[in-house]
N, C-alpha and C. Protein backbone atom coordinates (compact mmCIF):
# COMPACT_ATOMS: atom_id res chain seq x y z
N MET A 1 0.84 -1.19 -0.02
CA MET A 1 -0.02 -0.02 0.00
C MET A 1 0.87 1.24 -0.01
N LYS A 2 0.36 2.24 -0.68
CA LYS A 2 1.12 3.49 -0.84
C LYS A 2 0.33 4.60 -0.13
N LYS A 3 1.02 5.43 0.60
CA LYS A 3 0.40 6.60 1.24
C LYS A 3 0.72 7.86 0.49
N ILE A 4 -0.32 8.69 0.28
CA ILE A 4 -0.22 9.91 -0.44
C ILE A 4 -0.65 11.06 0.46
N ASN A 5 0.17 12.08 0.56
CA ASN A 5 -0.18 13.28 1.32
C ASN A 5 -1.09 14.18 0.46
N VAL A 6 -2.17 14.62 1.06
CA VAL A 6 -3.04 15.60 0.43
C VAL A 6 -2.55 16.93 1.01
N ILE A 7 -2.14 17.88 0.14
CA ILE A 7 -1.54 19.15 0.62
C ILE A 7 -2.47 20.34 0.49
N MET A 8 -2.24 21.32 1.26
CA MET A 8 -2.97 22.62 1.13
C MET A 8 -2.51 23.29 -0.17
N PRO A 9 -3.44 23.51 -1.08
CA PRO A 9 -3.05 24.12 -2.36
C PRO A 9 -2.84 25.63 -2.26
N LYS A 10 -2.13 26.19 -3.21
CA LYS A 10 -1.97 27.63 -3.35
C LYS A 10 -3.07 28.11 -4.28
N LEU A 11 -4.04 28.80 -3.72
CA LEU A 11 -5.20 29.25 -4.51
C LEU A 11 -4.99 30.56 -5.24
N GLY A 12 -3.99 31.33 -4.75
CA GLY A 12 -3.70 32.62 -5.33
C GLY A 12 -2.20 32.94 -5.20
N MET A 13 -1.74 33.90 -6.01
CA MET A 13 -0.29 34.19 -6.04
C MET A 13 0.28 34.55 -4.70
N THR A 14 -0.48 35.24 -3.88
CA THR A 14 0.05 35.70 -2.60
C THR A 14 -0.36 34.86 -1.42
N MET A 15 -1.10 33.81 -1.68
CA MET A 15 -1.56 32.97 -0.57
C MET A 15 -0.41 32.25 0.15
N LYS A 16 -0.41 32.40 1.48
CA LYS A 16 0.60 31.74 2.29
C LYS A 16 -0.04 30.70 3.22
N ARG A 17 -1.33 30.89 3.53
CA ARG A 17 -2.05 29.99 4.44
C ARG A 17 -3.47 29.86 3.92
N GLY A 18 -4.12 28.74 4.20
CA GLY A 18 -5.49 28.55 3.85
C GLY A 18 -6.28 27.98 5.03
N GLU A 19 -7.53 28.26 5.02
CA GLU A 19 -8.39 27.71 6.13
C GLU A 19 -9.23 26.58 5.55
N ILE A 20 -9.28 25.48 6.31
CA ILE A 20 -10.15 24.35 5.93
C ILE A 20 -11.57 24.72 6.38
N LEU A 21 -12.44 24.88 5.41
CA LEU A 21 -13.85 25.22 5.76
C LEU A 21 -14.61 23.99 6.14
N GLU A 22 -14.48 22.91 5.41
CA GLU A 22 -15.22 21.70 5.73
C GLU A 22 -14.54 20.47 5.09
N TRP A 23 -14.74 19.37 5.79
CA TRP A 23 -14.34 18.05 5.20
C TRP A 23 -15.60 17.40 4.67
N ARG A 24 -15.54 16.96 3.41
CA ARG A 24 -16.69 16.26 2.78
C ARG A 24 -16.60 14.76 3.03
N LYS A 25 -15.43 14.28 3.43
CA LYS A 25 -15.20 12.88 3.79
C LYS A 25 -14.61 12.85 5.20
N LYS A 26 -14.71 11.66 5.83
CA LYS A 26 -14.13 11.50 7.17
C LYS A 26 -13.14 10.36 7.08
N ALA A 27 -12.28 10.29 8.06
CA ALA A 27 -11.22 9.20 8.13
C ALA A 27 -11.93 7.87 8.06
N GLY A 28 -11.38 7.03 7.19
CA GLY A 28 -11.92 5.68 6.97
C GLY A 28 -12.80 5.58 5.71
N ASP A 29 -13.21 6.70 5.17
CA ASP A 29 -14.08 6.70 3.98
C ASP A 29 -13.26 6.40 2.73
N PRO A 30 -13.83 5.62 1.80
CA PRO A 30 -13.22 5.41 0.52
C PRO A 30 -13.34 6.68 -0.30
N VAL A 31 -12.34 6.93 -1.16
CA VAL A 31 -12.36 8.10 -2.06
C VAL A 31 -11.99 7.67 -3.46
N ARG A 32 -12.52 8.38 -4.46
CA ARG A 32 -12.23 8.14 -5.82
C ARG A 32 -11.44 9.34 -6.37
N LYS A 33 -10.52 9.09 -7.28
CA LYS A 33 -9.73 10.13 -7.89
C LYS A 33 -10.66 11.19 -8.46
N GLY A 34 -10.37 12.44 -8.10
CA GLY A 34 -11.17 13.59 -8.55
C GLY A 34 -12.35 13.94 -7.71
N GLU A 35 -12.69 13.12 -6.72
CA GLU A 35 -13.78 13.38 -5.82
C GLU A 35 -13.39 14.47 -4.81
N VAL A 36 -14.31 15.39 -4.58
CA VAL A 36 -14.04 16.46 -3.61
C VAL A 36 -14.06 15.89 -2.18
N ILE A 37 -12.95 16.13 -1.48
CA ILE A 37 -12.85 15.62 -0.12
C ILE A 37 -12.90 16.76 0.94
N ALA A 38 -12.54 18.00 0.46
CA ALA A 38 -12.54 19.13 1.41
C ALA A 38 -12.74 20.45 0.65
N VAL A 39 -13.12 21.48 1.38
CA VAL A 39 -13.29 22.80 0.87
C VAL A 39 -12.36 23.73 1.71
N VAL A 40 -11.57 24.55 1.04
CA VAL A 40 -10.62 25.44 1.69
C VAL A 40 -10.77 26.84 1.14
N GLN A 41 -10.32 27.82 1.88
CA GLN A 41 -10.35 29.23 1.39
C GLN A 41 -9.11 29.96 1.75
N SER A 42 -8.78 30.97 0.90
CA SER A 42 -7.74 31.94 1.24
C SER A 42 -8.43 33.23 1.57
N GLU A 43 -7.71 34.32 1.61
CA GLU A 43 -8.31 35.60 1.92
C GLU A 43 -9.36 36.00 0.82
N LYS A 44 -9.11 35.54 -0.41
CA LYS A 44 -9.93 36.01 -1.52
C LYS A 44 -10.72 34.89 -2.25
N LEU A 45 -10.25 33.66 -2.17
CA LEU A 45 -10.78 32.59 -3.00
C LEU A 45 -11.20 31.39 -2.14
N THR A 46 -12.15 30.64 -2.65
CA THR A 46 -12.56 29.39 -2.07
C THR A 46 -12.34 28.31 -3.12
N GLY A 47 -11.82 27.17 -2.69
CA GLY A 47 -11.53 26.11 -3.64
C GLY A 47 -11.80 24.71 -3.03
N GLU A 48 -11.96 23.74 -3.91
CA GLU A 48 -12.19 22.37 -3.49
C GLU A 48 -10.90 21.59 -3.60
N ILE A 49 -10.66 20.72 -2.67
CA ILE A 49 -9.54 19.77 -2.74
C ILE A 49 -10.10 18.43 -3.16
N LYS A 50 -9.49 17.89 -4.23
CA LYS A 50 -9.97 16.63 -4.76
C LYS A 50 -8.95 15.53 -4.49
N ALA A 51 -9.45 14.30 -4.34
CA ALA A 51 -8.60 13.15 -4.10
C ALA A 51 -7.66 12.96 -5.30
N PRO A 52 -6.37 12.82 -5.07
CA PRO A 52 -5.39 12.66 -6.17
C PRO A 52 -5.41 11.21 -6.74
N GLU A 53 -5.90 10.26 -5.95
CA GLU A 53 -5.96 8.85 -6.38
C GLU A 53 -7.15 8.16 -5.71
N ASP A 54 -7.48 7.01 -6.25
CA ASP A 54 -8.47 6.15 -5.58
C ASP A 54 -7.86 5.54 -4.34
N GLY A 55 -8.60 5.41 -3.27
CA GLY A 55 -8.06 4.80 -2.08
C GLY A 55 -8.99 5.02 -0.86
N CYS A 56 -8.35 5.13 0.29
CA CYS A 56 -9.07 5.34 1.54
C CYS A 56 -8.44 6.54 2.27
N LEU A 57 -9.30 7.44 2.72
CA LEU A 57 -8.83 8.62 3.48
C LEU A 57 -8.51 8.07 4.89
N VAL A 58 -7.28 7.76 5.14
CA VAL A 58 -6.93 7.12 6.39
C VAL A 58 -6.73 8.05 7.56
N GLU A 59 -6.34 9.29 7.28
CA GLU A 59 -6.07 10.24 8.39
C GLU A 59 -6.32 11.66 7.94
N ILE A 60 -7.04 12.42 8.78
CA ILE A 60 -7.18 13.89 8.59
C ILE A 60 -6.27 14.54 9.61
N LEU A 61 -5.32 15.33 9.12
CA LEU A 61 -4.31 15.91 10.00
C LEU A 61 -4.71 17.28 10.60
N HIS A 62 -5.69 17.94 10.00
CA HIS A 62 -6.16 19.26 10.50
C HIS A 62 -7.67 19.30 10.43
N ASP A 63 -8.31 19.73 11.48
CA ASP A 63 -9.74 19.79 11.53
C ASP A 63 -10.26 21.01 10.73
N ALA A 64 -11.58 21.00 10.48
CA ALA A 64 -12.24 22.18 9.86
C ALA A 64 -12.04 23.36 10.80
N GLY A 65 -11.72 24.52 10.20
CA GLY A 65 -11.47 25.74 10.93
C GLY A 65 -9.95 26.01 11.11
N ALA A 66 -9.15 25.00 10.86
CA ALA A 66 -7.68 25.17 11.03
C ALA A 66 -7.11 25.98 9.83
N GLU A 67 -6.15 26.84 10.19
CA GLU A 67 -5.38 27.53 9.15
C GLU A 67 -4.07 26.78 8.96
N VAL A 68 -3.75 26.46 7.71
CA VAL A 68 -2.64 25.59 7.36
C VAL A 68 -1.74 26.28 6.31
N PRO A 69 -0.41 26.24 6.47
CA PRO A 69 0.45 26.84 5.46
C PRO A 69 0.30 26.06 4.14
N VAL A 70 0.42 26.82 3.03
CA VAL A 70 0.42 26.26 1.66
C VAL A 70 1.53 25.17 1.60
N GLY A 71 1.24 24.05 1.03
CA GLY A 71 2.21 22.93 0.85
C GLY A 71 2.28 21.97 1.96
N GLU A 72 1.60 22.27 3.10
CA GLU A 72 1.63 21.32 4.23
C GLU A 72 0.54 20.28 4.06
N ALA A 73 0.86 19.05 4.48
CA ALA A 73 -0.12 17.95 4.39
C ALA A 73 -1.32 18.22 5.31
N ILE A 74 -2.54 17.98 4.73
CA ILE A 74 -3.75 18.13 5.55
C ILE A 74 -4.43 16.79 5.80
N ALA A 75 -4.10 15.76 4.96
CA ALA A 75 -4.70 14.47 5.09
C ALA A 75 -3.81 13.45 4.43
N ILE A 76 -4.09 12.15 4.69
CA ILE A 76 -3.35 11.08 4.06
C ILE A 76 -4.33 10.09 3.44
N ILE A 77 -4.08 9.73 2.19
CA ILE A 77 -4.85 8.77 1.47
C ILE A 77 -3.96 7.55 1.25
N GLU A 78 -4.53 6.38 1.48
CA GLU A 78 -3.77 5.12 1.24
C GLU A 78 -4.36 4.46 0.06
N THR A 79 -3.52 4.05 -0.91
CA THR A 79 -3.97 3.44 -2.15
C THR A 79 -3.62 1.94 -2.12
N GLU A 80 -4.19 1.21 -3.05
CA GLU A 80 -3.96 -0.24 -3.15
C GLU A 80 -2.58 -0.56 -3.75
N GLU A 81 -2.01 0.40 -4.51
CA GLU A 81 -0.76 0.13 -5.23
C GLU A 81 0.46 -0.02 -4.31
């Protein structure tokens, strides 16, 4: 099994941190590549985080409401590969 970090994306040129608005999946849920798993926002933009691969969302590293630096892992997905 392979573990993939889901990272806080950079939604805008000046974005340094983002807030997790909500998790659409919870730890233990299966996910499909391209499926929305969370919603995040910067000072100006709101965006969806999609699963990068099929697998299982094994761990959520930051709860909704948390502010997380761009590029930091917010969750871990485990794949069959």
